């Protein structure tokens, strides 16, 4: 998948592409989306390996991370309620 194809796919889903440089010459692709005051960030792939990325890969990364965030949030709320009861 080219950078232009990835940009248009992310735009359709309401996300933006952010290419971040780490180290000397390594660039990585992230998807970013504003949600209220927060900015959600999802790692996609190293820029050198973007050609291996497919539409289904990108959509799966968006879905999996959204589900895991919900699970993480609910488990931390459960933990906080248990800790709050014991104090």
N, C-alpha and C. Protein backbone atom coordinates (compact mmCIF):
# COMPACT_ATOMS: atom_id res chain seq x y z
N UNK A 1 0.85 -1.18 0.00
CA UNK A 1 0.00 0.00 0.00
C UNK A 1 0.89 1.24 0.00
N UNK A 2 0.62 2.17 -0.87
CA UNK A 2 1.41 3.40 -0.93
C UNK A 2 0.94 4.37 0.17
N UNK A 3 1.73 5.40 0.38
CA UNK A 3 1.39 6.40 1.39
C UNK A 3 0.09 7.11 1.02
N UNK A 4 -0.08 7.40 -0.26
CA UNK A 4 -1.32 8.09 -0.70
C UNK A 4 -2.54 7.20 -0.49
N UNK A 5 -2.43 5.91 -0.79
CA UNK A 5 -3.55 4.99 -0.57
C UNK A 5 -3.88 4.89 0.92
N UNK A 6 -2.84 4.83 1.74
CA UNK A 6 -3.04 4.75 3.19
C UNK A 6 -3.71 6.01 3.71
N UNK A 7 -3.28 7.17 3.24
CA UNK A 7 -3.90 8.44 3.65
C UNK A 7 -5.38 8.46 3.33
N UNK A 8 -5.74 8.04 2.11
CA UNK A 8 -7.15 8.09 1.72
C UNK A 8 -7.98 7.08 2.51
N UNK A 9 -7.42 5.90 2.77
CA UNK A 9 -8.13 4.90 3.58
C UNK A 9 -8.36 5.42 5.00
N UNK A 10 -7.35 6.01 5.60
CA UNK A 10 -7.49 6.54 6.95
C UNK A 10 -8.49 7.69 6.98
N UNK A 11 -8.47 8.53 5.96
CA UNK A 11 -9.43 9.64 5.87
C UNK A 11 -10.87 9.14 5.84
N UNK A 12 -11.11 8.05 5.10
CA UNK A 12 -12.46 7.47 5.02
C UNK A 12 -12.93 7.02 6.40
N UNK A 13 -11.99 6.58 7.25
CA UNK A 13 -12.33 6.08 8.57
C UNK A 13 -12.27 7.17 9.65
N UNK A 14 -11.91 8.41 9.24
CA UNK A 14 -11.86 9.52 10.19
C UNK A 14 -10.52 9.66 10.89
N UNK A 15 -9.47 9.05 10.37
CA UNK A 15 -8.14 9.11 10.97
C UNK A 15 -7.21 9.90 10.06
N UNK A 16 -6.07 10.33 10.60
CA UNK A 16 -5.03 11.02 9.84
C UNK A 16 -3.74 10.22 9.92
N UNK A 17 -2.91 10.33 8.90
CA UNK A 17 -1.62 9.65 8.88
C UNK A 17 -0.56 10.58 9.42
N UNK A 18 0.28 10.05 10.32
CA UNK A 18 1.39 10.81 10.87
C UNK A 18 2.65 9.98 10.70
N UNK A 19 3.62 10.50 9.93
CA UNK A 19 4.91 9.82 9.75
C UNK A 19 5.90 10.44 10.74
N UNK A 20 6.39 9.63 11.66
CA UNK A 20 7.26 10.10 12.74
C UNK A 20 8.67 9.57 12.51
N UNK A 21 9.66 10.45 12.63
CA UNK A 21 11.06 10.04 12.49
C UNK A 21 11.62 9.72 13.86
N UNK A 22 12.20 8.54 13.98
CA UNK A 22 12.86 8.10 15.21
C UNK A 22 14.30 7.77 14.86
N UNK A 23 15.21 8.16 15.70
CA UNK A 23 16.61 7.88 15.42
C UNK A 23 17.10 8.71 14.24
N UNK A 24 18.02 8.14 13.49
CA UNK A 24 18.62 8.89 12.38
C UNK A 24 17.73 8.91 11.15
N UNK A 25 17.37 7.75 10.63
CA UNK A 25 16.61 7.72 9.37
C UNK A 25 15.40 6.82 9.41
N UNK A 26 14.97 6.41 10.57
CA UNK A 26 13.83 5.48 10.64
C UNK A 26 12.54 6.27 10.80
N UNK A 27 11.60 6.00 9.89
CA UNK A 27 10.29 6.65 9.95
C UNK A 27 9.22 5.60 10.15
N UNK A 28 8.24 5.93 10.98
CA UNK A 28 7.17 5.02 11.31
C UNK A 28 5.83 5.69 11.05
N UNK A 29 4.87 4.88 10.62
CA UNK A 29 3.53 5.39 10.30
C UNK A 29 2.60 5.17 11.48
N UNK A 30 1.91 6.21 11.87
CA UNK A 30 0.91 6.17 12.94
C UNK A 30 -0.39 6.74 12.40
N UNK A 31 -1.49 6.23 12.90
CA UNK A 31 -2.80 6.80 12.60
C UNK A 31 -3.22 7.60 13.83
N UNK A 32 -3.75 8.80 13.60
CA UNK A 32 -4.17 9.64 14.72
C UNK A 32 -5.60 10.12 14.48
N UNK A 33 -6.32 10.22 15.60
CA UNK A 33 -7.72 10.65 15.54
C UNK A 33 -8.05 11.41 16.82
N UNK A 34 -8.69 12.54 16.66
CA UNK A 34 -9.09 13.31 17.85
C UNK A 34 -10.40 12.76 18.38
N UNK A 35 -10.45 12.58 19.70
CA UNK A 35 -11.66 12.11 20.36
C UNK A 35 -11.84 12.97 21.61
N UNK A 36 -12.64 14.03 21.46
CA UNK A 36 -12.79 14.98 22.55
C UNK A 36 -11.48 15.72 22.76
N UNK A 37 -10.96 15.70 23.99
CA UNK A 37 -9.68 16.33 24.29
C UNK A 37 -8.50 15.43 23.97
N UNK A 38 -8.77 14.16 23.82
CA UNK A 38 -7.70 13.18 23.61
C UNK A 38 -7.39 13.00 22.13
N UNK A 39 -6.17 12.58 21.87
CA UNK A 39 -5.77 12.19 20.52
C UNK A 39 -5.41 10.71 20.58
N UNK A 40 -6.17 9.90 19.86
CA UNK A 40 -5.89 8.47 19.82
C UNK A 40 -4.80 8.23 18.80
N UNK A 41 -3.81 7.42 19.15
CA UNK A 41 -2.69 7.13 18.27
C UNK A 41 -2.55 5.62 18.13
N UNK A 42 -2.43 5.16 16.90
CA UNK A 42 -2.28 3.74 16.61
C UNK A 42 -1.06 3.52 15.74
N UNK A 43 -0.15 2.66 16.17
CA UNK A 43 1.01 2.32 15.37
C UNK A 43 0.57 1.46 14.20
N UNK A 44 1.06 1.76 13.01
CA UNK A 44 0.71 0.98 11.82
C UNK A 44 1.88 0.11 11.38
N UNK A 45 2.98 0.74 10.95
CA UNK A 45 4.11 -0.03 10.44
C UNK A 45 5.26 0.92 10.13
N UNK A 46 6.46 0.36 10.01
CA UNK A 46 7.60 1.16 9.58
C UNK A 46 7.38 1.60 8.14
N UNK A 47 7.85 2.79 7.82
CA UNK A 47 7.62 3.32 6.47
C UNK A 47 8.21 2.40 5.41
N UNK A 48 9.34 1.77 5.69
CA UNK A 48 9.97 0.88 4.71
C UNK A 48 9.15 -0.37 4.44
N UNK A 49 8.20 -0.70 5.32
CA UNK A 49 7.39 -1.91 5.16
C UNK A 49 5.92 -1.60 4.84
N UNK A 50 5.62 -0.37 4.48
CA UNK A 50 4.23 0.00 4.16
C UNK A 50 3.68 -0.76 2.96
N UNK A 51 4.55 -1.19 2.07
CA UNK A 51 4.08 -1.92 0.89
C UNK A 51 3.46 -3.27 1.28
N UNK A 52 3.83 -3.81 2.46
CA UNK A 52 3.27 -5.07 2.94
C UNK A 52 1.89 -4.90 3.57
N UNK A 53 1.53 -3.67 3.90
CA UNK A 53 0.29 -3.38 4.61
C UNK A 53 -0.91 -3.48 3.66
N UNK A 54 -1.99 -4.12 4.13
CA UNK A 54 -3.21 -4.22 3.35
C UNK A 54 -4.34 -3.46 4.03
N UNK A 55 -5.41 -3.26 3.30
CA UNK A 55 -6.57 -2.56 3.85
C UNK A 55 -7.11 -3.29 5.08
N UNK A 56 -7.19 -4.61 5.00
CA UNK A 56 -7.69 -5.40 6.13
C UNK A 56 -6.79 -5.29 7.35
N UNK A 57 -5.46 -5.21 7.13
CA UNK A 57 -4.52 -5.04 8.24
C UNK A 57 -4.80 -3.73 8.98
N UNK A 58 -4.97 -2.67 8.22
CA UNK A 58 -5.21 -1.35 8.82
C UNK A 58 -6.51 -1.35 9.60
N UNK A 59 -7.57 -1.86 9.01
CA UNK A 59 -8.88 -1.89 9.69
C UNK A 59 -8.84 -2.77 10.93
N UNK A 60 -8.10 -3.87 10.86
CA UNK A 60 -7.99 -4.75 12.03
C UNK A 60 -7.25 -4.06 13.17
N UNK A 61 -6.23 -3.30 12.86
CA UNK A 61 -5.49 -2.58 13.90
C UNK A 61 -6.38 -1.55 14.58
N UNK A 62 -7.24 -0.89 13.82
CA UNK A 62 -8.14 0.09 14.41
C UNK A 62 -9.17 -0.59 15.31
N UNK A 63 -9.71 -1.71 14.87
CA UNK A 63 -10.74 -2.42 15.63
C UNK A 63 -10.17 -3.06 16.88
N UNK A 64 -9.06 -3.74 16.76
CA UNK A 64 -8.46 -4.43 17.90
C UNK A 64 -8.06 -3.46 18.99
N UNK A 65 -7.47 -2.36 18.62
CA UNK A 65 -7.03 -1.42 19.64
C UNK A 65 -8.21 -0.76 20.32
N UNK A 66 -9.29 -0.51 19.61
CA UNK A 66 -10.48 0.09 20.23
C UNK A 66 -11.09 -0.88 21.24
N UNK A 67 -11.15 -2.18 20.89
CA UNK A 67 -11.69 -3.18 21.81
C UNK A 67 -10.79 -3.34 23.04
N UNK A 68 -9.48 -3.36 22.84
CA UNK A 68 -8.58 -3.54 23.97
C UNK A 68 -8.62 -2.35 24.91
N UNK A 69 -8.84 -1.14 24.36
CA UNK A 69 -8.97 0.03 25.22
C UNK A 69 -10.19 -0.09 26.11
N UNK A 70 -11.29 -0.56 25.56
CA UNK A 70 -12.51 -0.73 26.34
C UNK A 70 -12.29 -1.75 27.44
N UNK A 71 -11.64 -2.87 27.11
CA UNK A 71 -11.35 -3.89 28.11
C UNK A 71 -10.43 -3.34 29.20
N UNK A 72 -9.40 -2.62 28.82
CA UNK A 72 -8.47 -2.06 29.78
C UNK A 72 -9.18 -1.10 30.71
N UNK A 73 -10.06 -0.25 30.14
CA UNK A 73 -10.77 0.74 30.94
C UNK A 73 -11.70 0.05 31.93
N UNK A 74 -12.43 -0.97 31.48
CA UNK A 74 -13.38 -1.63 32.37
C UNK A 74 -12.65 -2.41 33.46
N UNK A 75 -11.51 -3.02 33.17
CA UNK A 75 -10.78 -3.76 34.20
C UNK A 75 -10.17 -2.80 35.21
N UNK A 76 -9.72 -1.63 34.78
CA UNK A 76 -9.15 -0.67 35.73
C UNK A 76 -10.25 -0.08 36.61
N UNK A 77 -11.46 0.11 36.05
CA UNK A 77 -12.57 0.60 36.85
C UNK A 77 -12.96 -0.44 37.90
N UNK A 78 -12.95 -1.72 37.52
CA UNK A 78 -13.27 -2.78 38.48
C UNK A 78 -12.22 -2.82 39.59
N UNK A 79 -10.96 -2.69 39.22
CA UNK A 79 -9.88 -2.68 40.21
C UNK A 79 -10.04 -1.52 41.18
N UNK A 80 -10.33 -0.33 40.63
CA UNK A 80 -10.50 0.84 41.48
C UNK A 80 -11.67 0.70 42.43
N UNK A 81 -12.75 0.05 41.98
CA UNK A 81 -13.90 -0.12 42.87
C UNK A 81 -13.57 -1.11 43.98
N UNK A 82 -12.78 -2.15 43.68
CA UNK A 82 -12.39 -3.11 44.72
C UNK A 82 -11.44 -2.46 45.72
N UNK A 83 -10.48 -1.71 45.24
CA UNK A 83 -9.52 -1.04 46.11
C UNK A 83 -10.25 -0.01 46.97
N UNK A 84 -11.19 0.70 46.38
CA UNK A 84 -11.93 1.71 47.11
C UNK A 84 -12.78 1.10 48.23
N UNK A 85 -13.28 -0.13 48.06
CA UNK A 85 -14.08 -0.80 49.08
C UNK A 85 -13.22 -1.24 50.26
N UNK A 86 -11.96 -1.57 50.00
CA UNK A 86 -11.09 -2.09 51.05
C UNK A 86 -10.47 -0.99 51.89
N UNK A 87 -10.62 0.24 51.51
CA UNK A 87 -9.99 1.32 52.28
C UNK A 87 -10.91 1.88 53.32
